[in-house]
């Protein structure tokens, strides 16, 4: 990859060409990173630990929040103790039904903190990272995560002695999610990968990052059941804090930034820019900048395609209800299937992308299309399934599922200036994170309407949504081919 351009595959407008001159220093620093770095160290282990920490504590914190709300409402302590993994299902549902009205306002506050507020902090920090580097932003987010888990550990420990108001749990989430939470973490590490990769290995490196995130989430979810069984919420949050601390130490000691400041004075200046209005101007200029033909159409299709795949994933509660009704699976059997299916997606992000990109030399859009076709076939087989074996066959024969994210993020690098990448990734992740909220309600309503006559229908709904995503990828490929035609660049 030529260091004098932002991407060897990019097509720039005349306005964009003028901006490239100001990026020479930034990209030369990326070149210096390659020259200085004797170890191929990246963010993958840290992202594994961060995702492990989040999923490890998520379920237990949900139970603990309901438990504390139950206590505040004056319900008997022995009844509140029904809430949790060791309580009876009917007892848990009854308590949750009684407590839900009281918990509604604080639950909404947590949802806003998790899904809305991070967008603003993520965009600002992404704009800063596009100017000055990735590593400081990841450290800021990691420190916020660590502070959140320290606070939650203290609150859970305190709750064993005194009654703790649930609103303190709401406040404990602010240090991590205010600066952007997982949005800024994901956007920054993907931008880091794009900085230090080329057209031949970018998608493969994106796949490794995806695999690390999936593996961390899967491991955390798997371990949470055992930690909760032998411990409590305090131990769970302590373990999550330990994982976050390990990830932070790893980054501080072993990861070099992809953008290296030229002097100590520039470091001091860059830190003062964290509270500068110029970051907002950067975001506005990125949105308003004149672009080449089909630029916005392709970017919107990328966001739409990723969002559609998230929408098609559906509701885990609906999926479990279906297999419990038709296949008579219990929770343990269903979790075992999800573990295997997600493990195959991790393998696809490593082995599948290596196979299609390095051995078969497929373009990124074709890699994404192979992933989407895999989802269509898998959902269709599940719709016709008559036994648990059919579900496992559906996962086994669709090996390439889950590769679309890495492929589509790689496509973005061909379109964007290097000082816009993190901002676009942050905006994309912010939008995609909201999709599961709609997906949960949509699938629940659809399943309730069809459960009596045709409960399998929700699988075909998912296949149809994936099919629409495949059509969007086809349109995207056509637009990309149009961009490269010389007569359209005059």
Protein backbone atom coordinates (compact mmCIF):
# COMPACT_ATOMS: atom_id res chain seq x y z
CA UNK A 1 0.00 0.00 0.00
CA UNK A 2 1.41 3.36 -1.02
CA UNK A 3 1.79 5.55 2.03
CA UNK A 4 1.19 8.70 0.01
CA UNK A 5 -2.46 7.88 -0.53
CA UNK A 6 -5.18 6.97 1.87
CA UNK A 7 -6.05 3.76 0.07
CA UNK A 8 -4.68 2.12 -3.00
CA UNK A 9 -8.18 1.32 -4.14
CA UNK A 10 -9.73 4.74 -3.52
CA UNK A 11 -11.33 7.05 -6.03
CA UNK A 12 -11.17 10.72 -5.00
CA UNK A 13 -12.93 13.84 -6.12
CA UNK A 14 -10.90 16.99 -6.74
CA UNK A 15 -11.98 18.33 -3.34
CA UNK A 16 -10.81 15.16 -1.67
CA UNK A 17 -7.46 15.34 -3.45
CA UNK A 18 -6.80 18.71 -1.82
CA UNK A 19 -7.38 17.21 1.61
CA UNK A 20 -4.89 14.42 1.00
CA UNK A 21 -1.97 16.84 1.13
CA UNK A 22 -2.74 17.61 4.77
CA UNK A 23 -2.70 13.92 5.60
CA UNK A 24 0.91 13.31 4.64
CA UNK A 25 2.20 13.74 8.19
CA UNK A 26 -0.50 11.47 9.61
CA UNK A 27 0.14 8.64 7.18
CA UNK A 28 3.90 8.97 7.43
CA UNK A 29 3.47 8.29 11.14
CA UNK A 30 1.67 5.08 10.29
CA UNK A 31 4.68 4.20 8.17
CA UNK A 32 6.94 4.98 11.12
CA UNK A 33 4.85 2.58 13.21
CA UNK A 34 5.64 -0.20 10.77
CA UNK A 35 9.34 0.66 10.84
CA UNK A 36 9.51 0.88 14.64
CA UNK A 37 7.31 -2.06 15.54
CA UNK A 38 9.27 -5.27 15.93
CA UNK A 39 6.30 -7.13 17.37
CA UNK A 40 3.00 -7.68 15.63
CA UNK A 41 0.89 -6.64 18.61
CA UNK A 42 -2.68 -5.46 18.17
CA UNK A 43 -5.86 -4.95 20.18
CA UNK A 44 -7.34 -8.45 19.78
CA UNK A 45 -6.44 -9.81 23.27
CA UNK A 46 -7.68 -6.61 24.92
CA UNK A 47 -10.98 -6.68 23.01
CA UNK A 48 -11.41 -10.33 24.01
CA UNK A 49 -11.02 -9.34 27.68
CA UNK A 50 -13.33 -6.31 27.41
CA UNK A 51 -16.12 -8.31 25.74
CA UNK A 52 -15.59 -11.12 28.23
CA UNK A 53 -16.06 -8.64 31.10
CA UNK A 54 -19.25 -7.16 29.66
CA UNK A 55 -21.04 -10.44 28.92
CA UNK A 56 -19.77 -12.08 32.12
CA UNK A 57 -21.56 -9.52 34.28
CA UNK A 58 -24.58 -8.65 32.13
CA UNK A 59 -27.03 -11.35 33.25
CA UNK A 60 -26.03 -11.23 36.90
CA UNK A 61 -26.35 -7.43 36.99
CA UNK A 62 -29.86 -7.68 35.52
CA UNK A 63 -30.91 -10.02 38.32
CA UNK A 64 -29.18 -7.85 40.92
CA UNK A 65 -30.92 -4.71 39.66
CA UNK A 66 -34.35 -6.36 39.93
CA UNK A 67 -33.41 -7.70 43.37
CA UNK A 68 -32.48 -4.23 44.67
CA UNK A 69 -35.64 -2.69 43.18
CA UNK A 70 -37.63 -5.45 44.86
CA UNK A 71 -36.11 -4.58 48.22
CA UNK A 72 -36.80 -0.86 47.81
CA UNK A 73 -40.45 -1.70 47.11
CA UNK A 74 -40.70 -3.34 50.53
CA UNK A 75 -41.23 -6.89 49.29
CA UNK A 76 -40.10 -9.60 51.67
CA UNK A 77 -36.42 -10.50 51.38
CA UNK A 78 -37.10 -14.22 50.90
CA UNK A 79 -39.42 -13.41 47.99
CA UNK A 80 -36.88 -11.08 46.40
CA UNK A 81 -34.32 -13.88 46.58
CA UNK A 82 -36.39 -15.79 44.00
CA UNK A 83 -34.90 -13.47 41.41
CA UNK A 84 -31.77 -14.97 39.92
CA UNK A 85 -30.47 -18.08 38.23
CA UNK A 86 -31.21 -20.25 41.27
CA UNK A 87 -34.80 -19.13 41.67
CA UNK A 88 -37.86 -20.89 40.28
CA UNK A 89 -39.09 -19.73 36.91
CA UNK A 90 -42.63 -19.01 38.07
CA UNK A 91 -41.40 -17.20 41.19
CA UNK A 92 -38.98 -15.10 39.18
CA UNK A 93 -41.67 -14.12 36.68
CA UNK A 94 -44.07 -13.14 39.46
CA UNK A 95 -41.53 -10.94 41.22
CA UNK A 96 -40.43 -9.35 37.95
CA UNK A 97 -44.08 -8.60 37.11
CA UNK A 98 -44.63 -6.96 40.49
CA UNK A 99 -41.41 -4.98 40.39
CA UNK A 100 -41.44 -3.93 36.72
CA UNK A 101 -43.60 -0.77 37.15
CA UNK A 102 -41.29 0.54 39.87
CA UNK A 103 -38.18 -0.36 37.91
CA UNK A 104 -39.44 1.15 34.64
CA UNK A 105 -37.95 4.63 35.04
CA UNK A 106 -34.50 3.44 36.10
CA UNK A 107 -34.55 0.73 33.42
CA UNK A 108 -35.28 3.37 30.78
CA UNK A 109 -32.43 5.49 32.19
CA UNK A 110 -30.03 2.54 31.86
CA UNK A 111 -31.22 1.91 28.28
CA UNK A 112 -30.59 5.57 27.40
CA UNK A 113 -27.14 5.44 28.98
CA UNK A 114 -26.30 2.24 27.09
CA UNK A 115 -27.78 2.96 23.67
CA UNK A 116 -28.24 6.74 23.20
CA UNK A 117 -25.68 8.69 25.22
CA UNK A 118 -22.65 6.70 23.93
CA UNK A 119 -23.34 7.95 20.39
CA UNK A 120 -22.35 11.55 21.15
CA UNK A 121 -19.21 10.68 23.12
CA UNK A 122 -18.20 8.09 20.52
CA UNK A 123 -18.45 10.53 17.61
CA UNK A 124 -16.36 13.15 19.40
CA UNK A 125 -13.67 10.70 20.50
CA UNK A 126 -13.67 9.11 17.03
CA UNK A 127 -13.03 12.53 15.49
CA UNK A 128 -10.18 13.02 17.98
CA UNK A 129 -8.69 9.61 17.19
CA UNK A 130 -8.78 10.36 13.46
CA UNK A 131 -6.52 13.33 14.18
CA UNK A 132 -4.23 12.17 16.96
CA UNK A 133 -4.32 8.41 17.36
CA UNK A 134 -6.22 5.32 18.45
CA UNK A 135 -4.48 4.11 21.60
CA UNK A 136 -5.38 7.05 23.91
CA UNK A 137 -9.06 6.73 23.00
CA UNK A 138 -9.11 3.01 23.78
CA UNK A 139 -7.37 3.70 27.09
CA UNK A 140 -9.98 6.35 27.98
CA UNK A 141 -12.82 3.92 27.24
CA UNK A 142 -11.07 1.10 29.11
CA UNK A 143 -10.55 3.32 32.18
CA UNK A 144 -14.25 4.17 32.09
CA UNK A 145 -15.11 0.47 31.95
CA UNK A 146 -12.80 -0.27 34.84
CA UNK A 147 -14.31 2.54 36.93
CA UNK A 148 -17.82 1.24 36.17
CA UNK A 149 -17.00 -2.29 37.29
CA UNK A 150 -15.21 -1.07 40.41
CA UNK A 151 -18.34 0.93 41.27
CA UNK A 152 -20.65 -2.01 40.59
CA UNK A 153 -18.45 -4.31 42.68
CA UNK A 154 -18.61 -1.86 45.57
CA UNK A 155 -22.37 -1.44 45.26
CA UNK A 156 -22.97 -5.19 45.18
CA UNK A 157 -20.73 -5.71 48.20
CA UNK A 158 -22.47 -2.88 50.05
CA UNK A 159 -25.88 -4.37 49.24
CA UNK A 160 -25.09 -7.43 51.35
CA UNK A 161 -25.15 -5.19 54.44
CA UNK A 162 -27.58 -2.36 53.63
CA UNK A 163 -30.34 -1.59 51.16
CA UNK A 164 -28.94 0.12 48.04
CA UNK A 165 -31.12 2.36 45.88
CA UNK A 166 -31.18 1.03 42.27
CA UNK A 167 -30.43 4.52 40.95
CA UNK A 168 -26.85 4.13 42.20
CA UNK A 169 -26.51 1.27 39.71
CA UNK A 170 -27.69 3.63 36.98
CA UNK A 171 -25.00 6.16 37.94
CA UNK A 172 -22.34 3.44 37.96
CA UNK A 173 -22.81 2.88 34.21
CA UNK A 174 -21.97 6.50 33.32
CA UNK A 175 -18.11 6.35 33.41
CA UNK A 176 -18.00 3.68 30.70
CA UNK A 177 -20.87 4.68 28.45
CA UNK A 178 -20.52 8.48 28.56
CA UNK A 179 -17.29 8.48 26.50
CA UNK A 180 -18.78 5.99 24.05
CA UNK A 181 -18.72 2.52 25.64
CA UNK A 182 -18.38 -0.37 23.22
CA UNK A 183 -19.18 1.96 20.31
CA UNK A 184 -15.92 3.88 20.62
CA UNK A 185 -13.96 0.75 21.48
CA UNK A 186 -15.15 -1.07 18.35
CA UNK A 187 -14.83 1.98 16.07
CA UNK A 188 -11.30 2.77 17.25
CA UNK A 189 -9.85 -0.74 17.04
CA UNK A 190 -11.32 -1.26 13.56
CA UNK A 191 -9.83 2.09 12.51
CA UNK A 192 -6.51 0.90 13.97
CA UNK A 193 -6.71 -2.21 11.79
CA UNK A 194 -7.49 -0.14 8.70
CA UNK A 195 -4.50 2.15 9.43
CA UNK A 196 -2.01 -0.69 9.55
CA UNK A 197 -3.27 -3.06 6.87
CA UNK A 198 -3.22 -3.12 3.10
CA UNK A 199 -5.56 -4.25 0.35
CA UNK A 200 -4.31 -7.83 0.59
CA UNK A 201 -4.68 -8.47 4.33
CA UNK A 202 -7.23 -5.91 5.54
CA UNK A 203 -10.30 -8.17 5.47
CA UNK A 204 -8.34 -11.00 7.11
CA UNK A 205 -7.26 -8.68 9.95
CA UNK A 206 -10.81 -7.39 10.33
CA UNK A 207 -11.93 -11.02 10.58
CA UNK A 208 -9.40 -11.69 13.36
CA UNK A 209 -10.76 -8.68 15.28
CA UNK A 210 -14.35 -9.91 14.79
CA UNK A 211 -13.35 -13.37 15.99
CA UNK A 212 -11.76 -11.90 19.14
CA UNK A 213 -14.91 -9.93 19.96
CA UNK A 214 -17.17 -12.93 19.35
CA UNK A 215 -14.91 -15.24 21.34
CA UNK A 216 -14.82 -12.84 24.30
CA UNK A 217 -18.60 -12.48 24.34
CA UNK A 218 -19.12 -16.22 24.00
CA UNK A 219 -16.62 -17.08 26.73
CA UNK A 220 -18.09 -14.49 29.10
CA UNK A 221 -21.61 -15.79 28.55
CA UNK A 222 -20.46 -19.38 29.10
CA UNK A 223 -18.50 -18.59 32.28
CA UNK A 224 -21.20 -16.37 33.79
CA UNK A 225 -23.41 -19.36 34.59
CA UNK A 226 -20.67 -21.09 36.58
CA UNK A 227 -19.44 -17.98 38.40
CA UNK A 228 -23.03 -17.12 39.39
CA UNK A 229 -23.56 -20.69 40.58
CA UNK A 230 -20.57 -20.71 42.94
CA UNK A 231 -20.46 -17.00 43.78
CA UNK A 232 -22.60 -13.88 43.74
CA UNK A 233 -22.94 -10.54 41.99
CA UNK A 234 -19.96 -9.10 43.86
CA UNK A 235 -17.63 -11.88 42.71
CA UNK A 236 -18.97 -11.64 39.16
CA UNK A 237 -18.33 -7.88 38.96
CA UNK A 238 -14.92 -8.35 40.58
CA UNK A 239 -14.02 -10.89 37.88
CA UNK A 240 -15.26 -8.48 35.19
CA UNK A 241 -13.16 -5.67 36.71
CA UNK A 242 -10.13 -7.97 36.72
CA UNK A 243 -10.60 -8.76 33.02
CA UNK A 244 -10.99 -5.07 32.17
CA UNK A 245 -7.86 -4.22 34.18
CA UNK A 246 -5.88 -6.95 32.40
CA UNK A 247 -7.00 -5.56 29.02
CA UNK A 248 -6.00 -2.02 30.03
CA UNK A 249 -2.55 -3.13 31.22
CA UNK A 250 -2.01 -5.07 28.00
CA UNK A 251 -2.79 -1.99 25.89
CA UNK A 252 -0.63 0.33 27.98
CA UNK A 253 2.41 -1.97 27.87
CA UNK A 254 2.33 -3.72 24.52
CA UNK A 255 0.26 -1.83 21.91
CA UNK A 256 1.83 1.01 19.93
CA UNK A 257 -0.42 3.57 18.33
CA UNK A 258 -0.87 3.67 14.56
CA UNK A 259 -0.34 7.46 14.67
CA UNK A 260 2.80 8.63 16.47
CA UNK A 261 2.96 12.29 17.63
CA UNK A 262 6.00 14.12 16.33
CA UNK A 263 6.73 15.95 19.60
CA UNK A 264 5.74 16.27 23.24
CA UNK A 265 4.13 19.63 22.47
CA UNK A 266 1.81 17.97 19.98
CA UNK A 267 0.81 15.43 22.64
CA UNK A 268 -0.13 18.23 25.04
CA UNK A 269 -2.00 20.10 22.31
CA UNK A 270 -3.91 17.00 21.27
CA UNK A 271 -5.09 16.34 24.83
CA UNK A 272 -6.53 19.86 25.09
CA UNK A 273 -8.48 19.18 21.89
CA UNK A 274 -10.61 16.57 23.70
CA UNK A 275 -12.84 19.42 24.92
CA UNK A 276 -12.64 21.50 21.75
CA UNK A 277 -15.50 22.50 19.48
CA UNK A 278 -13.24 21.81 16.52
CA UNK A 279 -14.10 18.11 16.85
CA UNK A 280 -17.72 18.98 16.11
CA UNK A 281 -16.53 20.94 13.07
CA UNK A 282 -14.60 17.87 11.93
CA UNK A 283 -17.76 15.79 12.08
CA UNK A 284 -19.80 18.39 10.22
CA UNK A 285 -17.13 18.78 7.55
CA UNK A 286 -16.98 15.02 7.08
CA UNK A 287 -20.74 14.97 6.49
CA UNK A 288 -20.82 18.03 4.23
CA UNK A 289 -17.67 17.35 2.23
CA UNK A 290 -18.16 16.91 -1.50
CA UNK A 291 -17.74 13.27 -2.45
CA UNK A 292 -17.30 11.25 -5.59
CA UNK A 293 -20.19 9.63 -7.43
CA UNK A 294 -22.28 7.04 -5.55
CA UNK A 295 -20.28 7.63 -2.34
CA UNK A 296 -23.24 8.22 -0.03
CA UNK A 297 -25.35 5.54 -1.73
CA UNK A 298 -22.68 2.91 -1.13
CA UNK A 299 -22.09 3.96 2.49
CA UNK A 300 -25.84 3.90 3.18
CA UNK A 301 -26.02 0.42 1.64
CA UNK A 302 -23.18 -0.73 3.90
CA UNK A 303 -24.96 0.56 7.01
CA UNK A 304 -28.27 -0.85 5.76
CA UNK A 305 -26.76 -4.27 5.04
CA UNK A 306 -25.15 -4.59 8.48
CA UNK A 307 -28.38 -3.37 10.12
CA UNK A 308 -30.48 -5.89 8.18
CA UNK A 309 -28.30 -8.77 9.32
CA UNK A 310 -28.69 -7.59 12.91
CA UNK A 311 -32.46 -7.29 12.41
CA UNK A 312 -32.67 -10.78 10.94
CA UNK A 313 -30.90 -12.33 13.94
CA UNK A 314 -34.19 -11.84 15.75
CA UNK A 315 -35.06 -12.48 19.37
CA UNK A 316 -33.31 -15.04 21.55
CA UNK A 317 -36.44 -15.41 23.66
CA UNK A 318 -38.53 -16.22 20.58
CA UNK A 319 -35.90 -18.68 19.34
CA UNK A 320 -35.86 -20.50 22.67
CA UNK A 321 -39.67 -20.51 22.89
CA UNK A 322 -39.82 -22.10 19.43
CA UNK A 323 -37.28 -24.89 20.07
CA UNK A 324 -38.80 -25.57 23.49
CA UNK A 325 -42.25 -25.92 21.92
CA UNK A 326 -41.30 -27.92 18.82
CA UNK A 327 -38.14 -29.79 19.79
CA UNK A 328 -38.74 -29.92 23.57
CA UNK A 329 -35.29 -28.51 24.24
CA UNK A 330 -34.52 -27.19 27.70
CA UNK A 331 -32.37 -24.14 28.43
CA UNK A 332 -29.20 -26.21 28.67
CA UNK A 333 -29.75 -27.86 25.27
CA UNK A 334 -30.53 -24.52 23.64
CA UNK A 335 -27.45 -22.85 25.14
CA UNK A 336 -25.32 -25.74 23.92
CA UNK A 337 -26.60 -25.23 20.38
CA UNK A 338 -25.96 -21.44 20.55
CA UNK A 339 -22.44 -22.13 21.80
CA UNK A 340 -21.69 -24.39 18.83
CA UNK A 341 -23.30 -22.04 16.30
CA UNK A 342 -21.39 -19.00 17.54
CA UNK A 343 -18.16 -21.00 17.69
CA UNK A 344 -18.60 -21.80 13.99
CA UNK A 345 -18.94 -18.07 13.29
CA UNK A 346 -15.64 -17.47 15.05
CA UNK A 347 -14.00 -20.12 12.86
CA UNK A 348 -15.60 -18.54 9.77
CA UNK A 349 -14.08 -15.15 10.62
CA UNK A 350 -10.64 -16.72 10.73
CA UNK A 351 -10.52 -19.77 8.46
CA UNK A 352 -13.38 -18.80 6.12
CA UNK A 353 -12.02 -15.35 5.31
CA UNK A 354 -8.50 -16.71 4.88
CA UNK A 355 -9.83 -19.32 2.46
CA UNK A 356 -11.93 -16.94 0.36
CA UNK A 357 -9.51 -14.00 0.33
CA UNK A 358 -6.06 -15.57 0.23
CA UNK A 359 -6.69 -18.81 -1.66
CA UNK A 360 -9.64 -17.95 -3.91
CA UNK A 361 -8.97 -14.20 -4.13
CA UNK A 362 -12.63 -13.23 -3.77
CA UNK A 363 -13.54 -9.52 -3.55
CA UNK A 364 -14.96 -8.25 -0.27
CA UNK A 365 -18.54 -7.96 -1.54
CA UNK A 366 -18.49 -11.63 -2.60
CA UNK A 367 -17.19 -12.61 0.85
CA UNK A 368 -20.06 -10.69 2.44
CA UNK A 369 -22.53 -12.28 0.01
CA UNK A 370 -21.29 -15.77 0.87
CA UNK A 371 -21.95 -14.99 4.53
CA UNK A 372 -25.47 -13.70 3.84
CA UNK A 373 -26.32 -16.69 1.62
CA UNK A 374 -25.21 -18.91 4.50
CA UNK A 375 -27.68 -17.16 6.80
CA UNK A 376 -30.49 -17.56 4.24
CA UNK A 377 -29.84 -21.30 3.86
CA UNK A 378 -29.50 -21.79 7.62
CA UNK A 379 -32.75 -19.98 8.43
CA UNK A 380 -34.61 -21.89 5.69
CA UNK A 381 -33.41 -25.28 6.99
CA UNK A 382 -34.44 -24.30 10.52
CA UNK A 383 -37.88 -23.39 9.21
CA UNK A 384 -38.33 -26.90 7.82
CA UNK A 385 -36.61 -28.61 10.76
CA UNK A 386 -38.39 -31.50 12.44
CA UNK A 387 -35.68 -32.52 14.90
CA UNK A 388 -32.73 -31.09 16.77
CA UNK A 389 -30.38 -32.78 14.31
CA UNK A 390 -31.76 -30.54 11.55
CA UNK A 391 -30.77 -27.45 13.55
CA UNK A 392 -27.22 -28.69 13.86
CA UNK A 393 -27.17 -29.53 10.15
CA UNK A 394 -28.34 -25.96 9.42
CA UNK A 395 -25.31 -24.59 11.25
CA UNK A 396 -22.85 -27.15 9.92
CA UNK A 397 -23.62 -26.75 6.21
CA UNK A 398 -23.49 -22.94 6.35
CA UNK A 399 -19.88 -22.58 7.39
CA UNK A 400 -19.38 -19.05 6.02
CA UNK A 401 -21.90 -17.29 8.27
CA UNK A 402 -20.65 -14.22 10.11
CA UNK A 403 -18.01 -12.93 7.68
CA UNK A 404 -20.04 -10.01 6.28
CA UNK A 405 -19.07 -7.54 9.03
CA UNK A 406 -15.33 -7.74 8.38
CA UNK A 407 -15.82 -7.64 4.61
CA UNK A 408 -18.08 -4.58 4.65
CA UNK A 409 -15.84 -2.67 7.06
CA UNK A 410 -12.98 -3.35 4.68
CA UNK A 411 -14.98 -1.94 1.75
CA UNK A 412 -15.31 1.36 3.65
CA UNK A 413 -11.56 1.91 3.47
CA UNK A 414 -11.74 2.15 -0.33
CA UNK A 415 -14.22 5.01 -0.03
CA UNK A 416 -13.17 7.05 2.99
CA UNK A 417 -10.32 9.40 3.67
CA UNK A 418 -8.14 8.06 6.45
CA UNK A 419 -9.14 10.92 8.77
CA UNK A 420 -12.83 9.98 8.43
CA UNK A 421 -12.65 6.25 9.11
CA UNK A 422 -13.16 6.19 12.89
CA UNK A 423 -16.02 8.73 12.64
CA UNK A 424 -17.84 6.56 10.10
CA UNK A 425 -17.23 3.38 12.07
CA UNK A 426 -18.57 5.07 15.22
CA UNK A 427 -21.71 6.23 13.39
CA UNK A 428 -22.24 2.76 11.92
CA UNK A 429 -21.84 0.93 15.22
CA UNK A 430 -24.17 3.46 16.92
CA UNK A 431 -26.93 2.76 14.41
CA UNK A 432 -26.43 -1.00 14.40
CA UNK A 433 -26.58 -1.17 18.22
CA UNK A 434 -30.13 0.19 18.13
CA UNK A 435 -31.40 -2.46 15.71
CA UNK A 436 -31.76 -5.34 18.25
CA UNK A 437 -34.22 -3.18 20.22
CA UNK A 438 -36.55 -3.14 17.22
CA UNK A 439 -35.77 -6.75 16.33
CA UNK A 440 -36.87 -8.02 19.74
CA UNK A 441 -40.29 -6.38 19.51
CA UNK A 442 -40.81 -7.24 15.84
CA UNK A 443 -40.10 -10.95 16.24
CA UNK A 444 -42.10 -11.20 19.46
CA UNK A 445 -45.17 -9.65 17.81
CA UNK A 446 -44.74 -11.77 14.66
CA UNK A 447 -44.33 -15.00 16.64
CA UNK A 448 -47.39 -14.26 18.77
CA UNK A 449 -49.47 -13.89 15.60
CA UNK A 450 -48.23 -17.10 13.97
CA UNK A 451 -47.51 -19.41 16.91
CA UNK A 452 -50.86 -21.23 16.79
CA UNK A 453 -50.95 -22.01 13.08
CA UNK A 454 -47.37 -21.78 11.83
CA UNK A 455 -44.71 -21.19 14.52
CA UNK A 456 -41.89 -21.90 12.04
CA UNK A 457 -42.76 -18.76 10.09
CA UNK A 458 -40.33 -16.54 12.00
CA UNK A 459 -37.42 -18.50 10.47
CA UNK A 460 -38.67 -17.70 6.98
CA UNK A 461 -39.07 -14.05 8.00
CA UNK A 462 -35.38 -14.07 8.95
CA UNK A 463 -34.47 -15.74 5.63
CA UNK A 464 -36.40 -13.04 3.78
CA UNK A 465 -34.60 -10.22 5.60
CA UNK A 466 -31.25 -11.83 4.84
CA UNK A 467 -32.37 -12.10 1.22
CA UNK A 468 -33.05 -8.36 1.09
CA UNK A 469 -29.56 -7.83 2.49
CA UNK A 470 -28.18 -9.97 -0.34
CA UNK A 471 -29.96 -7.77 -2.89
CA UNK A 472 -28.45 -4.69 -1.25
CA UNK A 473 -25.01 -6.24 -1.61
CA UNK A 474 -25.69 -6.84 -5.29
CA UNK A 475 -26.62 -3.19 -5.80
CA UNK A 476 -23.52 -2.16 -3.85
CA UNK A 477 -21.29 -4.23 -6.12
CA UNK A 478 -22.88 -2.64 -9.20
CA UNK A 479 -22.30 0.87 -7.82
CA UNK A 480 -18.69 0.05 -6.94
CA UNK A 481 -18.10 -1.18 -10.47
CA UNK A 482 -19.64 2.02 -11.85
CA UNK A 483 -17.26 4.12 -9.72
CA UNK A 484 -14.24 2.53 -11.40
CA UNK A 485 -15.40 3.27 -14.95
CA UNK A 486 -13.14 6.00 -16.42
CA UNK A 487 -15.97 7.90 -18.14
CA UNK A 488 -17.66 8.46 -14.76
CA UNK A 489 -14.52 9.92 -13.19
CA UNK A 490 -14.16 12.81 -15.64
